[in-house]
């Protein structure tokens, strides 16, 4: 599994998020899972998953949010 190592409570949260985004059949056990950059999802992934590629993908998405397009905050930060 891509999110192997995630505890049951975190899987439940990720599945609940997925259901709220329109995937009515999402379950904690079987997915599909939608990972967001909100703190509960992000922190769970960073702390518990064993998949290094997933860690990197989520981390890079997190650190580059609001850094391009209409939501680019770079001028404010620099």
PDB file of N, CA and C in Angstrom:
ATOM      1  N   UNK A   1       0.837  -1.193   0.000  1.00  0.00           N
ATOM      2  CA  UNK A   1       0.000   0.000   0.000  1.00  0.00           C
ATOM      3  C   UNK A   1       0.871   1.242   0.000  1.00  0.00           C
ATOM      4  N   UNK A   2       0.389   2.231  -0.673  1.00  0.00           N
ATOM      5  CA  UNK A   2       1.129   3.482  -0.729  1.00  0.00           C
ATOM      6  C   UNK A   2       1.157   4.182   0.629  1.00  0.00           C
ATOM      7  N   UNK A   3       0.119   4.000   1.447  1.00  0.00           N
ATOM      8  CA  UNK A   3       0.080   4.675   2.745  1.00  0.00           C
ATOM      9  C   UNK A   3       0.269   3.695   3.897  1.00  0.00           C
ATOM     10  N   UNK A   4       1.008   2.641   3.661  1.00  0.00           N
ATOM     11  CA  UNK A   4       1.292   1.645   4.682  1.00  0.00           C
ATOM     12  C   UNK A   4       1.927   2.297   5.906  1.00  0.00           C
ATOM     13  N   UNK A   5       1.438   1.931   7.079  1.00  0.00           N
ATOM     14  CA  UNK A   5       1.968   2.462   8.324  1.00  0.00           C
ATOM     15  C   UNK A   5       1.062   3.487   8.973  1.00  0.00           C
ATOM     16  N   UNK A   6       0.101   3.993   8.242  1.00  0.00           N
ATOM     17  CA  UNK A   6      -0.818   4.986   8.792  1.00  0.00           C
ATOM     18  C   UNK A   6      -1.745   4.305   9.797  1.00  0.00           C
ATOM     19  N   UNK A   7      -1.888   4.845  11.012  1.00  0.00           N
ATOM     20  CA  UNK A   7      -2.757   4.222  12.005  1.00  0.00           C
ATOM     21  C   UNK A   7      -4.230   4.291  11.587  1.00  0.00           C
ATOM     22  N   UNK A   8      -5.031   3.438  12.187  1.00  0.00           N
ATOM     23  CA  UNK A   8      -6.450   3.337  11.830  1.00  0.00           C
ATOM     24  C   UNK A   8      -7.177   4.674  11.960  1.00  0.00           C
ATOM     25  N   UNK A   9      -6.858   5.444  12.983  1.00  0.00           N
ATOM     26  CA  UNK A   9      -7.540   6.730  13.155  1.00  0.00           C
ATOM     27  C   UNK A   9      -7.214   7.685  12.006  1.00  0.00           C
ATOM     28  N   UNK A  10      -5.972   7.686  11.578  1.00  0.00           N
ATOM     29  CA  UNK A  10      -5.574   8.549  10.462  1.00  0.00           C
ATOM     30  C   UNK A  10      -6.190   8.057   9.156  1.00  0.00           C
ATOM     31  N   UNK A  11      -6.237   6.742   8.967  1.00  0.00           N
ATOM     32  CA  UNK A  11      -6.888   6.196   7.774  1.00  0.00           C
ATOM     33  C   UNK A  11      -8.363   6.589   7.745  1.00  0.00           C
ATOM     34  N   UNK A  12      -8.997   6.556   8.900  1.00  0.00           N
ATOM     35  CA  UNK A  12     -10.394   6.973   8.989  1.00  0.00           C
ATOM     36  C   UNK A  12     -10.573   8.424   8.603  1.00  0.00           C
ATOM     37  N   UNK A  13      -9.684   9.274   9.068  1.00  0.00           N
ATOM     38  CA  UNK A  13      -9.744  10.697   8.738  1.00  0.00           C
ATOM     39  C   UNK A  13      -9.552  10.920   7.241  1.00  0.00           C
ATOM     40  N   UNK A  14      -8.570  10.245   6.673  1.00  0.00           N
ATOM     41  CA  UNK A  14      -8.292  10.390   5.245  1.00  0.00           C
ATOM     42  C   UNK A  14      -9.478   9.870   4.425  1.00  0.00           C
ATOM     43  N   UNK A  15     -10.058   8.754   4.841  1.00  0.00           N
ATOM     44  CA  UNK A  15     -11.226   8.210   4.139  1.00  0.00           C
ATOM     45  C   UNK A  15     -12.417   9.156   4.258  1.00  0.00           C
ATOM     46  N   UNK A  16     -12.608   9.736   5.430  1.00  0.00           N
ATOM     47  CA  UNK A  16     -13.710  10.680   5.639  1.00  0.00           C
ATOM     48  C   UNK A  16     -13.545  11.903   4.732  1.00  0.00           C
ATOM     49  N   UNK A  17     -12.336  12.388   4.611  1.00  0.00           N
ATOM     50  CA  UNK A  17     -12.064  13.510   3.710  1.00  0.00           C
ATOM     51  C   UNK A  17     -12.404  13.126   2.277  1.00  0.00           C
ATOM     52  N   UNK A  18     -12.028  11.917   1.899  1.00  0.00           N
ATOM     53  CA  UNK A  18     -12.290  11.441   0.545  1.00  0.00           C
ATOM     54  C   UNK A  18     -13.790  11.363   0.274  1.00  0.00           C
ATOM     55  N   UNK A  19     -14.539  10.865   1.244  1.00  0.00           N
ATOM     56  CA  UNK A  19     -16.000  10.799   1.102  1.00  0.00           C
ATOM     57  C   UNK A  19     -16.573  12.203   0.951  1.00  0.00           C
ATOM     58  N   UNK A  20     -16.080  13.138   1.751  1.00  0.00           N
ATOM     59  CA  UNK A  20     -16.594  14.510   1.689  1.00  0.00           C
ATOM     60  C   UNK A  20     -16.283  15.189   0.360  1.00  0.00           C
ATOM     61  N   UNK A  21     -15.299  14.677  -0.361  1.00  0.00           N
ATOM     62  CA  UNK A  21     -14.932  15.232  -1.669  1.00  0.00           C
ATOM     63  C   UNK A  21     -15.643  14.516  -2.819  1.00  0.00           C
ATOM     64  N   UNK A  22     -16.584  13.613  -2.482  1.00  0.00           N
ATOM     65  CA  UNK A  22     -17.404  13.012  -3.523  1.00  0.00           C
ATOM     66  C   UNK A  22     -17.175  11.548  -3.830  1.00  0.00           C
ATOM     67  N   UNK A  23     -16.278  10.899  -3.131  1.00  0.00           N
ATOM     68  CA  UNK A  23     -16.039   9.466  -3.351  1.00  0.00           C
ATOM     69  C   UNK A  23     -16.785   8.691  -2.265  1.00  0.00           C
ATOM     70  N   UNK A  24     -18.079   8.464  -2.493  1.00  0.00           N
ATOM     71  CA  UNK A  24     -18.950   7.890  -1.470  1.00  0.00           C
ATOM     72  C   UNK A  24     -18.516   6.513  -0.984  1.00  0.00           C
ATOM     73  N   UNK A  25     -17.812   5.760  -1.801  1.00  0.00           N
ATOM     74  CA  UNK A  25     -17.443   4.392  -1.442  1.00  0.00           C
ATOM     75  C   UNK A  25     -16.074   4.274  -0.780  1.00  0.00           C
ATOM     76  N   UNK A  26     -15.442   5.381  -0.471  1.00  0.00           N
ATOM     77  CA  UNK A  26     -14.117   5.340   0.155  1.00  0.00           C
ATOM     78  C   UNK A  26     -14.223   4.763   1.563  1.00  0.00           C
ATOM     79  N   UNK A  27     -13.276   3.898   1.892  1.00  0.00           N
ATOM     80  CA  UNK A  27     -13.227   3.324   3.236  1.00  0.00           C
ATOM     81  C   UNK A  27     -11.808   3.430   3.776  1.00  0.00           C
ATOM     82  N   UNK A  28     -11.706   3.374   5.087  1.00  0.00           N
ATOM     83  CA  UNK A  28     -10.391   3.428   5.722  1.00  0.00           C
ATOM     84  C   UNK A  28      -9.546   2.223   5.324  1.00  0.00           C
ATOM     85  N   UNK A  29     -10.189   1.086   5.144  1.00  0.00           N
ATOM     86  CA  UNK A  29      -9.462  -0.145   4.841  1.00  0.00           C
ATOM     87  C   UNK A  29      -9.017  -0.240   3.388  1.00  0.00           C
ATOM     88  N   UNK A  30      -9.876   0.179   2.462  1.00  0.00           N
ATOM     89  CA  UNK A  30      -9.624  -0.080   1.046  1.00  0.00           C
ATOM     90  C   UNK A  30      -9.442   1.151   0.174  1.00  0.00           C
ATOM     91  N   UNK A  31      -9.622   2.341   0.742  1.00  0.00           N
ATOM     92  CA  UNK A  31      -9.478   3.552  -0.054  1.00  0.00           C
ATOM     93  C   UNK A  31     -10.670   3.757  -0.961  1.00  0.00           C
ATOM     94  N   UNK A  32     -10.556   4.598  -1.941  1.00  0.00           N
ATOM     95  CA  UNK A  32      -9.389   5.434  -2.199  1.00  0.00           C
ATOM     96  C   UNK A  32      -9.211   6.457  -1.086  1.00  0.00           C
ATOM     97  N   UNK A  33      -8.008   6.959  -0.955  1.00  0.00           N
ATOM     98  CA  UNK A  33      -7.701   7.925   0.089  1.00  0.00           C
ATOM     99  C   UNK A  33      -7.289   9.241  -0.543  1.00  0.00           C
ATOM    100  N   UNK A  34      -7.798  10.327  -0.005  1.00  0.00           N
ATOM    101  CA  UNK A  34      -7.437  11.656  -0.486  1.00  0.00           C
ATOM    102  C   UNK A  34      -6.641  12.349   0.617  1.00  0.00           C
ATOM    103  N   UNK A  35      -5.385  12.590   0.339  1.00  0.00           N
ATOM    104  CA  UNK A  35      -4.512  13.250   1.302  1.00  0.00           C
ATOM    105  C   UNK A  35      -4.526  14.740   1.007  1.00  0.00           C
ATOM    106  N   UNK A  36      -4.777  15.528   2.038  1.00  0.00           N
ATOM    107  CA  UNK A  36      -4.776  16.975   1.869  1.00  0.00           C
ATOM    108  C   UNK A  36      -3.557  17.566   2.574  1.00  0.00           C
ATOM    109  N   UNK A  37      -3.382  18.854   2.416  1.00  0.00           N
ATOM    110  CA  UNK A  37      -2.279  19.539   3.086  1.00  0.00           C
ATOM    111  C   UNK A  37      -2.720  20.160   4.401  1.00  0.00           C
ATOM    112  N   UNK A  38      -3.943  19.842   4.836  1.00  0.00           N
ATOM    113  CA  UNK A  38      -4.400  20.272   6.155  1.00  0.00           C
ATOM    114  C   UNK A  38      -3.564  19.552   7.208  1.00  0.00           C
ATOM    115  N   UNK A  39      -3.366  20.203   8.330  1.00  0.00           N
ATOM    116  CA  UNK A  39      -2.459  19.681   9.359  1.00  0.00           C
ATOM    117  C   UNK A  39      -2.726  18.231   9.765  1.00  0.00           C
ATOM    118  N   UNK A  40      -3.949  17.827  10.074  1.00  0.00           N
ATOM    119  CA  UNK A  40      -4.127  16.437  10.519  1.00  0.00           C
ATOM    120  C   UNK A  40      -3.674  15.409   9.476  1.00  0.00           C
ATOM    121  N   UNK A  41      -3.988  15.656   8.238  1.00  0.00           N
ATOM    122  CA  UNK A  41      -3.601  14.736   7.170  1.00  0.00           C
ATOM    123  C   UNK A  41      -2.093  14.792   6.931  1.00  0.00           C
ATOM    124  N   UNK A  42      -1.566  15.986   6.787  1.00  0.00           N
ATOM    125  CA  UNK A  42      -0.135  16.172   6.517  1.00  0.00           C
ATOM    126  C   UNK A  42       0.726  15.561   7.620  1.00  0.00           C
ATOM    127  N   UNK A  43       0.416  15.870   8.858  1.00  0.00           N
ATOM    128  CA  UNK A  43       1.227  15.383   9.979  1.00  0.00           C
ATOM    129  C   UNK A  43       1.162  13.863  10.076  1.00  0.00           C
ATOM    130  N   UNK A  44      -0.016  13.297   9.887  1.00  0.00           N
ATOM    131  CA  UNK A  44      -0.141  11.834   9.934  1.00  0.00           C
ATOM    132  C   UNK A  44       0.715  11.168   8.874  1.00  0.00           C
ATOM    133  N   UNK A  45       0.680  11.704   7.675  1.00  0.00           N
ATOM    134  CA  UNK A  45       1.488  11.131   6.594  1.00  0.00           C
ATOM    135  C   UNK A  45       2.971  11.248   6.927  1.00  0.00           C
ATOM    136  N   UNK A  46       3.390  12.410   7.369  1.00  0.00           N
ATOM    137  CA  UNK A  46       4.808  12.627   7.643  1.00  0.00           C
ATOM    138  C   UNK A  46       5.310  11.780   8.818  1.00  0.00           C
ATOM    139  N   UNK A  47       4.462  11.527   9.785  1.00  0.00           N
ATOM    140  CA  UNK A  47       4.889  10.767  10.963  1.00  0.00           C
ATOM    141  C   UNK A  47       4.815   9.257  10.785  1.00  0.00           C
ATOM    142  N   UNK A  48       3.856   8.779  10.015  1.00  0.00           N
ATOM    143  CA  UNK A  48       3.567   7.350  10.084  1.00  0.00           C
ATOM    144  C   UNK A  48       3.815   6.529   8.828  1.00  0.00           C
ATOM    145  N   UNK A  49       3.712   7.111   7.665  1.00  0.00           N
ATOM    146  CA  UNK A  49       3.853   6.267   6.477  1.00  0.00           C
ATOM    147  C   UNK A  49       5.295   5.830   6.287  1.00  0.00           C
ATOM    148  N   UNK A  50       5.438   4.674   5.687  1.00  0.00           N
ATOM    149  CA  UNK A  50       6.769   4.112   5.435  1.00  0.00           C
ATOM    150  C   UNK A  50       7.220   4.353   3.999  1.00  0.00           C
ATOM    151  N   UNK A  51       6.386   5.004   3.216  1.00  0.00           N
ATOM    152  CA  UNK A  51       6.655   5.211   1.800  1.00  0.00           C
ATOM    153  C   UNK A  51       7.421   6.524   1.608  1.00  0.00           C
ATOM    154  N   UNK A  52       8.695   6.422   1.312  1.00  0.00           N
ATOM    155  CA  UNK A  52       9.545   7.615   1.164  1.00  0.00           C
ATOM    156  C   UNK A  52       9.093   8.508   0.017  1.00  0.00           C
ATOM    157  N   UNK A  53       8.642   7.910  -1.071  1.00  0.00           N
ATOM    158  CA  UNK A  53       8.178   8.705  -2.210  1.00  0.00           C
ATOM    159  C   UNK A  53       6.943   9.517  -1.828  1.00  0.00           C
ATOM    160  N   UNK A  54       6.059   8.922  -1.047  1.00  0.00           N
ATOM    161  CA  UNK A  54       4.871   9.648  -0.589  1.00  0.00           C
ATOM    162  C   UNK A  54       5.272  10.776   0.352  1.00  0.00           C
ATOM    163  N   UNK A  55       6.203  10.506   1.253  1.00  0.00           N
ATOM    164  CA  UNK A  55       6.716  11.558   2.145  1.00  0.00           C
ATOM    165  C   UNK A  55       7.198  12.746   1.320  1.00  0.00           C
ATOM    166  N   UNK A  56       8.019  12.463   0.334  1.00  0.00           N
ATOM    167  CA  UNK A  56       8.588  13.533  -0.478  1.00  0.00           C
ATOM    168  C   UNK A  56       7.508  14.287  -1.246  1.00  0.00           C
ATOM    169  N   UNK A  57       6.576  13.562  -1.838  1.00  0.00           N
ATOM    170  CA  UNK A  57       5.507  14.202  -2.611  1.00  0.00           C
ATOM    171  C   UNK A  57       4.665  15.133  -1.735  1.00  0.00           C
ATOM    172  N   UNK A  58       4.278  14.654  -0.567  1.00  0.00           N
ATOM    173  CA  UNK A  58       3.451  15.458   0.335  1.00  0.00           C
ATOM    174  C   UNK A  58       4.254  16.628   0.894  1.00  0.00           C
ATOM    175  N   UNK A  59       5.497  16.383   1.265  1.00  0.00           N
ATOM    176  CA  UNK A  59       6.345  17.449   1.801  1.00  0.00           C
ATOM    177  C   UNK A  59       6.552  18.557   0.769  1.00  0.00           C
ATOM    178  N   UNK A  60       6.886  18.171  -0.457  1.00  0.00           N
ATOM    179  CA  UNK A  60       7.117  19.182  -1.501  1.00  0.00           C
ATOM    180  C   UNK A  60       5.843  19.979  -1.792  1.00  0.00           C
ATOM    181  N   UNK A  61       4.721  19.305  -1.806  1.00  0.00           N
ATOM    182  CA  UNK A  61       3.450  20.009  -2.016  1.00  0.00           C
ATOM    183  C   UNK A  61       3.189  20.984  -0.869  1.00  0.00           C
ATOM    184  N   UNK A  62       3.501  20.558   0.342  1.00  0.00           N
ATOM    185  CA  UNK A  62       3.263  21.395   1.518  1.00  0.00           C
ATOM    186  C   UNK A  62       4.141  22.648   1.516  1.00  0.00           C
ATOM    187  N   UNK A  63       5.417  22.476   1.213  1.00  0.00           N
ATOM    188  CA  UNK A  63       6.321  23.631   1.293  1.00  0.00           C
ATOM    189  C   UNK A  63       6.200  24.574   0.102  1.00  0.00           C
ATOM    190  N   UNK A  64       5.562  24.128  -0.965  1.00  0.00           N
ATOM    191  CA  UNK A  64       5.423  24.999  -2.132  1.00  0.00           C
ATOM    192  C   UNK A  64       4.001  25.534  -2.303  1.00  0.00           C
ATOM    193  N   UNK A  65       3.126  25.274  -1.336  1.00  0.00           N
ATOM    194  CA  UNK A  65       1.766  25.799  -1.461  1.00  0.00           C
ATOM    195  C   UNK A  65       1.823  27.326  -1.456  1.00  0.00           C
ATOM    196  N   UNK A  66       0.923  27.932  -2.169  1.00  0.00           N
ATOM    197  CA  UNK A  66       0.840  29.393  -2.287  1.00  0.00           C
ATOM    198  C   UNK A  66       2.132  30.007  -2.810  1.00  0.00           C
ATOM    199  N   UNK A  67       2.796  29.299  -3.726  1.00  0.00           N
ATOM    200  CA  UNK A  67       4.035  29.851  -4.278  1.00  0.00           C
ATOM    201  C   UNK A  67       3.997  29.984  -5.795  1.00  0.00           C
ATOM    202  N   UNK A  68       2.809  29.834  -6.369  1.00  0.00           N
ATOM    203  CA  UNK A  68       2.680  30.030  -7.813  1.00  0.00           C
ATOM    204  C   UNK A  68       1.228  30.345  -8.156  1.00  0.00           C
ATOM    205  N   UNK A  69       1.029  30.846  -9.353  1.00  0.00           N
ATOM    206  CA  UNK A  69      -0.324  31.141  -9.821  1.00  0.00           C
ATOM    207  C   UNK A  69      -0.965  32.309  -9.094  1.00  0.00           C
ATOM    208  N   UNK A  70      -2.282  32.300  -9.062  1.00  0.00           N
ATOM    209  CA  UNK A  70      -3.040  33.388  -8.442  1.00  0.00           C
ATOM    210  C   UNK A  70      -2.826  33.489  -6.933  1.00  0.00           C
ATOM    211  N   UNK A  71      -2.414  32.410  -6.312  1.00  0.00           N
ATOM    212  CA  UNK A  71      -2.234  32.397  -4.857  1.00  0.00           C
ATOM    213  C   UNK A  71      -0.777  32.575  -4.437  1.00  0.00           C
ATOM    214  N   UNK A  72       0.047  33.059  -5.331  1.00  0.00           N
ATOM    215  CA  UNK A  72       1.477  33.214  -5.054  1.00  0.00           C
ATOM    216  C   UNK A  72       1.712  34.293  -3.995  1.00  0.00           C
ATOM    217  N   UNK A  73       2.221  33.879  -2.848  1.00  0.00           N
ATOM    218  CA  UNK A  73       2.529  34.801  -1.752  1.00  0.00           C
ATOM    219  C   UNK A  73       4.014  35.118  -1.653  1.00  0.00           C
ATOM    220  N   UNK A  74       4.797  34.673  -2.620  1.00  0.00           N
ATOM    221  CA  UNK A  74       6.243  34.852  -2.562  1.00  0.00           C
ATOM    222  C   UNK A  74       6.659  36.308  -2.348  1.00  0.00           C
ATOM    223  N   UNK A  75       6.067  37.282  -3.051  1.00  0.00           N
ATOM    224  CA  UNK A  75       6.487  38.674  -2.826  1.00  0.00           C
ATOM    225  C   UNK A  75       6.249  39.149  -1.387  1.00  0.00           C
ATOM    226  N   UNK A  76       5.228  38.643  -0.762  1.00  0.00           N
ATOM    227  CA  UNK A  76       4.924  39.036   0.621  1.00  0.00           C
ATOM    228  C   UNK A  76       5.936  38.419   1.581  1.00  0.00           C
ATOM    229  N   UNK A  77       6.307  37.182   1.305  1.00  0.00           N
ATOM    230  CA  UNK A  77       7.220  36.449   2.186  1.00  0.00           C
ATOM    231  C   UNK A  77       8.639  36.978   2.068  1.00  0.00           C
ATOM    232  N   UNK A  78       9.057  37.264   0.849  1.00  0.00           N
ATOM    233  CA  UNK A  78      10.428  37.740   0.637  1.00  0.00           C
ATOM    234  C   UNK A  78      10.492  39.169   1.042  1.00  0.00           C
TER     235      UNK A  78
END
